[in-house]
Amino acid sequence: MVESIPLGTARSEPGAIQYGRWEALTHPTGHTEFLPVIIAQGREAGPCMWLTAGIHGPEQAGPLVLYRLITQDLVDRMRGTIVAIPGLNPAGLRTSEREPYHAPKDPNRLWPDGRPQKQPSGNGKRASA
């Protein structure tokens, strides 16, 4: 039996592609920022793969690849599920900027890189890596 996967307003269905949105934050103006969601599920159980794109606004190829990759033909041949977020930085995609206007920090720097954090040295200067 294939298990249903919900994310935001999308809920997977065996043999189908579902589109929806995942509300991320509400701006002080009342506008709600959302992330687009695509869930493609084969008719048979299998692995679940999470794909993301669109973390930097000027980099338009990633979202396009996801929309072209996830087709009904693919779903008809696959086992398992693909959960895709084609626009991780909707504000940056709208303005074609690397950083979103509501958080002036490179979103790619929010991911942990596995290295231990730098500890300050005893003399008040930062330790070098």
N, C-alpha and C. Protein backbone atom coordinates (compact mmCIF):
# COMPACT_ATOMS: atom_id res chain seq x y z
N MET A 1 0.84 -1.19 0.00
CA MET A 1 0.00 0.00 0.00
C MET A 1 0.88 1.25 0.00
N VAL A 2 0.53 2.23 -0.80
CA VAL A 2 1.28 3.48 -0.89
C VAL A 2 0.73 4.44 0.15
N GLU A 3 1.65 4.98 0.96
CA GLU A 3 1.26 5.90 2.03
C GLU A 3 1.11 7.32 1.49
N SER A 4 0.07 8.03 1.91
CA SER A 4 -0.15 9.41 1.50
C SER A 4 0.81 10.33 2.25
N ILE A 5 1.36 11.32 1.55
CA ILE A 5 2.28 12.28 2.14
C ILE A 5 1.67 13.68 2.00
N PRO A 6 1.38 14.35 3.12
CA PRO A 6 0.88 15.73 3.03
C PRO A 6 2.01 16.72 3.24
N LEU A 7 1.95 17.85 2.53
CA LEU A 7 2.87 18.96 2.74
C LEU A 7 2.15 20.23 2.33
N GLY A 8 1.91 21.11 3.29
CA GLY A 8 1.13 22.31 3.00
C GLY A 8 -0.25 21.92 2.50
N THR A 9 -0.67 22.50 1.38
CA THR A 9 -1.99 22.19 0.83
C THR A 9 -1.97 21.00 -0.12
N ALA A 10 -0.79 20.44 -0.39
CA ALA A 10 -0.68 19.29 -1.30
C ALA A 10 -0.70 17.99 -0.50
N ARG A 11 -1.35 16.97 -1.06
CA ARG A 11 -1.37 15.63 -0.47
C ARG A 11 -1.20 14.64 -1.61
N SER A 12 -0.20 13.76 -1.46
CA SER A 12 0.10 12.83 -2.55
C SER A 12 -1.06 11.87 -2.81
N GLU A 13 -1.13 11.45 -4.07
CA GLU A 13 -2.09 10.43 -4.49
C GLU A 13 -1.35 9.48 -5.43
N PRO A 14 -1.51 8.16 -5.22
CA PRO A 14 -0.81 7.20 -6.09
C PRO A 14 -1.12 7.44 -7.57
N GLY A 15 -0.05 7.50 -8.37
CA GLY A 15 -0.20 7.67 -9.81
C GLY A 15 -0.48 9.09 -10.26
N ALA A 16 -0.27 10.07 -9.37
CA ALA A 16 -0.64 11.45 -9.72
C ALA A 16 0.42 12.46 -9.28
N ILE A 17 0.33 13.64 -9.86
CA ILE A 17 1.14 14.79 -9.45
C ILE A 17 0.20 15.78 -8.77
N GLN A 18 0.57 16.21 -7.60
CA GLN A 18 -0.24 17.17 -6.85
C GLN A 18 0.57 18.45 -6.65
N TYR A 19 -0.09 19.58 -6.83
CA TYR A 19 0.54 20.89 -6.64
C TYR A 19 -0.12 21.59 -5.46
N GLY A 20 0.67 22.36 -4.72
CA GLY A 20 0.11 23.10 -3.61
C GLY A 20 1.08 24.16 -3.14
N ARG A 21 0.85 24.63 -1.93
CA ARG A 21 1.70 25.66 -1.35
C ARG A 21 1.88 25.39 0.13
N TRP A 22 3.04 25.79 0.61
CA TRP A 22 3.40 25.62 2.01
C TRP A 22 3.68 27.02 2.54
N GLU A 23 2.82 27.51 3.42
CA GLU A 23 2.96 28.86 3.95
C GLU A 23 4.20 28.94 4.84
N ALA A 24 5.09 29.88 4.52
CA ALA A 24 6.37 29.98 5.20
C ALA A 24 6.38 31.05 6.29
N LEU A 25 5.90 32.25 5.97
CA LEU A 25 5.92 33.33 6.95
C LEU A 25 4.93 34.40 6.54
N THR A 26 4.56 35.21 7.51
CA THR A 26 3.68 36.34 7.25
C THR A 26 4.47 37.62 7.47
N HIS A 27 4.46 38.48 6.46
CA HIS A 27 5.17 39.76 6.54
C HIS A 27 4.39 40.73 7.43
N PRO A 28 5.03 41.77 7.95
CA PRO A 28 4.32 42.78 8.76
C PRO A 28 3.16 43.44 8.00
N THR A 29 3.24 43.43 6.67
CA THR A 29 2.16 44.01 5.85
C THR A 29 0.94 43.10 5.76
N GLY A 30 1.07 41.86 6.25
CA GLY A 30 -0.02 40.90 6.18
C GLY A 30 0.10 39.92 5.02
N HIS A 31 1.02 40.18 4.10
CA HIS A 31 1.24 39.28 2.95
C HIS A 31 1.86 37.98 3.45
N THR A 32 1.34 36.85 3.01
CA THR A 32 1.88 35.55 3.38
C THR A 32 2.81 35.06 2.29
N GLU A 33 4.03 34.74 2.70
CA GLU A 33 5.02 34.18 1.78
C GLU A 33 4.82 32.67 1.78
N PHE A 34 4.75 32.07 0.61
CA PHE A 34 4.57 30.62 0.54
C PHE A 34 5.60 30.01 -0.40
N LEU A 35 5.85 28.73 -0.19
CA LEU A 35 6.74 27.95 -1.04
C LEU A 35 5.87 27.04 -1.91
N PRO A 36 6.13 26.98 -3.22
CA PRO A 36 5.39 26.05 -4.07
C PRO A 36 5.79 24.61 -3.75
N VAL A 37 4.83 23.71 -3.82
CA VAL A 37 5.05 22.30 -3.50
C VAL A 37 4.58 21.45 -4.68
N ILE A 38 5.37 20.46 -5.03
CA ILE A 38 4.97 19.46 -6.01
C ILE A 38 5.21 18.09 -5.38
N ILE A 39 4.18 17.24 -5.39
CA ILE A 39 4.35 15.87 -4.90
C ILE A 39 3.94 14.93 -6.03
N ALA A 40 4.88 14.11 -6.46
CA ALA A 40 4.63 13.12 -7.51
C ALA A 40 4.79 11.74 -6.89
N GLN A 41 3.75 10.92 -7.01
CA GLN A 41 3.79 9.61 -6.36
C GLN A 41 3.46 8.51 -7.35
N GLY A 42 4.34 7.50 -7.41
CA GLY A 42 4.08 6.34 -8.24
C GLY A 42 2.96 5.49 -7.64
N ARG A 43 2.51 4.52 -8.39
CA ARG A 43 1.42 3.65 -7.91
C ARG A 43 1.92 2.61 -6.91
N GLU A 44 3.24 2.36 -6.91
CA GLU A 44 3.82 1.38 -5.99
C GLU A 44 4.68 2.07 -4.95
N ALA A 45 4.74 1.47 -3.77
CA ALA A 45 5.59 2.00 -2.70
C ALA A 45 7.05 1.94 -3.11
N GLY A 46 7.83 2.85 -2.58
CA GLY A 46 9.26 2.91 -2.87
C GLY A 46 9.89 4.04 -2.09
N PRO A 47 11.10 4.43 -2.46
CA PRO A 47 11.79 5.49 -1.73
C PRO A 47 11.12 6.84 -1.93
N CYS A 48 11.40 7.75 -1.00
CA CYS A 48 10.91 9.12 -1.10
C CYS A 48 12.12 10.03 -1.30
N MET A 49 12.06 10.87 -2.32
CA MET A 49 13.17 11.78 -2.64
C MET A 49 12.67 13.22 -2.50
N TRP A 50 13.48 14.05 -1.85
CA TRP A 50 13.17 15.47 -1.64
C TRP A 50 14.07 16.26 -2.57
N LEU A 51 13.49 17.08 -3.44
CA LEU A 51 14.25 17.91 -4.37
C LEU A 51 13.90 19.38 -4.13
N THR A 52 14.93 20.24 -4.16
CA THR A 52 14.69 21.66 -3.98
C THR A 52 15.44 22.44 -5.05
N ALA A 53 14.97 23.65 -5.29
CA ALA A 53 15.60 24.56 -6.24
C ALA A 53 15.18 25.98 -5.89
N GLY A 54 15.76 26.94 -6.56
CA GLY A 54 15.34 28.32 -6.41
C GLY A 54 15.78 28.98 -5.12
N ILE A 55 16.96 28.63 -4.60
CA ILE A 55 17.42 29.26 -3.36
C ILE A 55 17.99 30.65 -3.65
N HIS A 56 18.44 30.90 -4.89
CA HIS A 56 18.94 32.22 -5.29
C HIS A 56 18.12 32.73 -6.47
N GLY A 57 17.60 33.92 -6.35
CA GLY A 57 16.74 34.50 -7.38
C GLY A 57 17.30 34.56 -8.78
N PRO A 58 18.58 34.93 -8.96
CA PRO A 58 19.10 35.01 -10.32
C PRO A 58 19.31 33.65 -10.98
N GLU A 59 19.26 32.58 -10.23
CA GLU A 59 19.51 31.24 -10.77
C GLU A 59 18.17 30.59 -11.12
N GLN A 60 17.73 30.81 -12.35
CA GLN A 60 16.39 30.40 -12.78
C GLN A 60 16.33 28.97 -13.31
N ALA A 61 17.46 28.34 -13.58
CA ALA A 61 17.45 27.02 -14.21
C ALA A 61 16.90 25.92 -13.30
N GLY A 62 17.20 25.98 -12.00
CA GLY A 62 16.78 24.92 -11.09
C GLY A 62 15.27 24.70 -11.05
N PRO A 63 14.47 25.75 -10.81
CA PRO A 63 13.02 25.56 -10.81
C PRO A 63 12.51 25.01 -12.15
N LEU A 64 13.06 25.50 -13.24
CA LEU A 64 12.65 25.03 -14.56
C LEU A 64 12.92 23.54 -14.72
N VAL A 65 14.07 23.08 -14.24
CA VAL A 65 14.41 21.66 -14.32
C VAL A 65 13.37 20.82 -13.57
N LEU A 66 12.99 21.25 -12.38
CA LEU A 66 12.01 20.47 -11.60
C LEU A 66 10.66 20.39 -12.32
N TYR A 67 10.21 21.52 -12.87
CA TYR A 67 8.92 21.50 -13.58
C TYR A 67 8.98 20.64 -14.84
N ARG A 68 10.14 20.59 -15.49
CA ARG A 68 10.27 19.74 -16.68
C ARG A 68 10.50 18.27 -16.32
N LEU A 69 11.13 18.01 -15.20
CA LEU A 69 11.41 16.64 -14.77
C LEU A 69 10.15 15.91 -14.33
N ILE A 70 9.33 16.58 -13.54
CA ILE A 70 8.17 15.92 -12.93
C ILE A 70 6.99 15.97 -13.90
N THR A 71 6.83 14.87 -14.62
CA THR A 71 5.77 14.74 -15.62
C THR A 71 4.93 13.50 -15.32
N GLN A 72 3.79 13.43 -15.93
CA GLN A 72 2.94 12.26 -15.74
C GLN A 72 3.62 11.01 -16.28
N ASP A 73 4.39 11.15 -17.35
CA ASP A 73 5.13 10.01 -17.89
C ASP A 73 6.10 9.45 -16.85
N LEU A 74 6.80 10.34 -16.13
CA LEU A 74 7.71 9.89 -15.07
C LEU A 74 6.93 9.17 -13.98
N VAL A 75 5.83 9.74 -13.54
CA VAL A 75 5.02 9.14 -12.47
C VAL A 75 4.52 7.76 -12.88
N ASP A 76 4.13 7.61 -14.13
CA ASP A 76 3.62 6.32 -14.61
C ASP A 76 4.69 5.23 -14.56
N ARG A 77 5.98 5.60 -14.60
CA ARG A 77 7.06 4.63 -14.61
C ARG A 77 7.76 4.46 -13.27
N MET A 78 7.48 5.30 -12.29
CA MET A 78 8.27 5.27 -11.06
C MET A 78 7.57 4.56 -9.91
N ARG A 79 8.39 4.13 -8.95
CA ARG A 79 7.91 3.64 -7.65
C ARG A 79 8.35 4.67 -6.63
N GLY A 80 7.56 4.88 -5.60
CA GLY A 80 7.93 5.83 -4.57
C GLY A 80 7.39 7.22 -4.85
N THR A 81 8.02 8.20 -4.20
CA THR A 81 7.49 9.56 -4.22
C THR A 81 8.61 10.58 -4.39
N ILE A 82 8.31 11.64 -5.12
CA ILE A 82 9.18 12.81 -5.20
C ILE A 82 8.42 13.96 -4.55
N VAL A 83 9.05 14.60 -3.57
CA VAL A 83 8.52 15.82 -2.98
C VAL A 83 9.47 16.93 -3.42
N ALA A 84 8.94 17.95 -4.09
CA ALA A 84 9.79 19.01 -4.63
C ALA A 84 9.31 20.38 -4.18
N ILE A 85 10.27 21.22 -3.84
CA ILE A 85 10.04 22.63 -3.54
C ILE A 85 10.82 23.40 -4.62
N PRO A 86 10.18 23.84 -5.70
CA PRO A 86 10.92 24.48 -6.78
C PRO A 86 11.30 25.94 -6.52
N GLY A 87 10.82 26.52 -5.44
CA GLY A 87 11.14 27.92 -5.15
C GLY A 87 11.41 28.13 -3.68
N LEU A 88 12.62 27.80 -3.21
CA LEU A 88 12.96 27.96 -1.79
C LEU A 88 13.06 29.42 -1.36
N ASN A 89 13.26 30.31 -2.31
CA ASN A 89 13.41 31.73 -2.01
C ASN A 89 12.49 32.53 -2.93
N PRO A 90 11.18 32.50 -2.68
CA PRO A 90 10.25 33.17 -3.59
C PRO A 90 10.50 34.68 -3.71
N ALA A 91 10.90 35.33 -2.62
CA ALA A 91 11.18 36.77 -2.68
C ALA A 91 12.37 37.04 -3.59
N GLY A 92 13.40 36.23 -3.49
CA GLY A 92 14.56 36.38 -4.37
C GLY A 92 14.23 36.08 -5.82
N LEU A 93 13.37 35.09 -6.06
CA LEU A 93 12.96 34.77 -7.43
C LEU A 93 12.15 35.92 -8.03
N ARG A 94 11.29 36.56 -7.21
CA ARG A 94 10.49 37.68 -7.70
C ARG A 94 11.36 38.88 -8.08
N THR A 95 12.40 39.14 -7.29
CA THR A 95 13.23 40.32 -7.51
C THR A 95 14.52 40.01 -8.26
N SER A 96 14.77 38.74 -8.55
CA SER A 96 16.00 38.28 -9.20
C SER A 96 17.24 38.67 -8.39
N GLU A 97 17.11 38.57 -7.07
CA GLU A 97 18.20 38.86 -6.15
C GLU A 97 18.60 37.60 -5.42
N ARG A 98 19.86 37.50 -5.04
CA ARG A 98 20.36 36.34 -4.30
C ARG A 98 19.72 36.25 -2.92
N GLU A 99 19.57 37.39 -2.27
CA GLU A 99 19.01 37.46 -0.91
C GLU A 99 17.55 37.93 -0.96
N PRO A 100 16.68 37.38 -0.11
CA PRO A 100 15.30 37.88 -0.06
C PRO A 100 15.28 39.26 0.59
N TYR A 101 14.32 40.09 0.18
CA TYR A 101 14.23 41.44 0.71
C TYR A 101 13.83 41.48 2.19
N HIS A 102 13.21 40.43 2.70
CA HIS A 102 12.76 40.43 4.10
C HIS A 102 13.81 39.88 5.06
N ALA A 103 14.90 39.32 4.55
CA ALA A 103 15.96 38.78 5.40
C ALA A 103 17.28 38.93 4.64
N PRO A 104 17.96 40.06 4.79
CA PRO A 104 19.16 40.31 3.99
C PRO A 104 20.36 39.43 4.36
N LYS A 105 20.20 38.15 4.09
CA LYS A 105 21.27 37.18 4.32
C LYS A 105 21.17 36.12 3.25
N ASP A 106 22.30 35.67 2.75
CA ASP A 106 22.31 34.64 1.73
C ASP A 106 21.66 33.38 2.30
N PRO A 107 20.53 32.92 1.74
CA PRO A 107 19.87 31.74 2.29
C PRO A 107 20.72 30.48 2.23
N ASN A 108 21.69 30.44 1.32
CA ASN A 108 22.56 29.29 1.22
C ASN A 108 23.50 29.18 2.43
N ARG A 109 23.64 30.25 3.19
CA ARG A 109 24.50 30.25 4.37
C ARG A 109 23.74 29.81 5.63
N LEU A 110 22.48 29.47 5.47
CA LEU A 110 21.68 29.01 6.61
C LEU A 110 21.80 27.51 6.84
N TRP A 111 22.35 26.80 5.87
CA TRP A 111 22.49 25.35 5.97
C TRP A 111 23.76 25.02 6.75
N PRO A 112 23.69 24.07 7.64
CA PRO A 112 24.92 23.66 8.34
C PRO A 112 25.86 22.97 7.36
N ASP A 113 27.16 23.22 7.50
CA ASP A 113 28.12 22.63 6.58
C ASP A 113 28.90 21.48 7.20
N GLY A 114 28.58 21.12 8.43
CA GLY A 114 29.23 19.98 9.05
C GLY A 114 30.53 20.31 9.76
N ARG A 115 31.07 21.49 9.54
CA ARG A 115 32.31 21.88 10.23
C ARG A 115 31.96 22.47 11.59
N PRO A 116 32.80 22.24 12.59
CA PRO A 116 32.54 22.85 13.89
C PRO A 116 32.63 24.37 13.79
N GLN A 117 31.80 25.04 14.59
CA GLN A 117 31.82 26.50 14.59
C GLN A 117 33.12 27.02 15.17
N LYS A 118 33.57 28.15 14.66
CA LYS A 118 34.80 28.77 15.15
C LYS A 118 34.57 29.30 16.57
N GLN A 119 35.52 29.04 17.43
CA GLN A 119 35.46 29.51 18.81
C GLN A 119 36.36 30.73 18.95
N PRO A 120 35.90 31.75 19.68
CA PRO A 120 36.77 32.92 19.88
C PRO A 120 37.99 32.53 20.70
N SER A 121 39.13 33.12 20.35
CA SER A 121 40.35 32.86 21.13
C SER A 121 40.32 33.68 22.41
N GLY A 122 41.20 33.39 23.33
CA GLY A 122 41.22 34.07 24.62
C GLY A 122 41.66 35.53 24.57
N ASN A 123 42.23 36.00 23.44
CA ASN A 123 42.72 37.37 23.38
C ASN A 123 41.73 38.33 22.73
N GLY A 124 40.48 37.91 22.57
CA GLY A 124 39.47 38.79 22.00
C GLY A 124 39.43 38.79 20.48
N LYS A 125 40.39 38.12 19.85
CA LYS A 125 40.38 38.02 18.39
C LYS A 125 39.75 36.69 17.99
N ARG A 126 39.14 36.68 16.81
CA ARG A 126 38.53 35.44 16.30
C ARG A 126 39.62 34.48 15.88
N ALA A 127 39.38 33.22 16.19
CA ALA A 127 40.31 32.17 15.77
C ALA A 127 40.15 31.95 14.28
N SER A 128 41.24 31.69 13.60
CA SER A 128 41.16 31.42 12.17
C SER A 128 40.99 29.92 11.95
N ALA A 129 40.34 29.60 10.81
CA ALA A 129 40.10 28.17 10.49
C ALA A 129 41.19 27.64 9.63
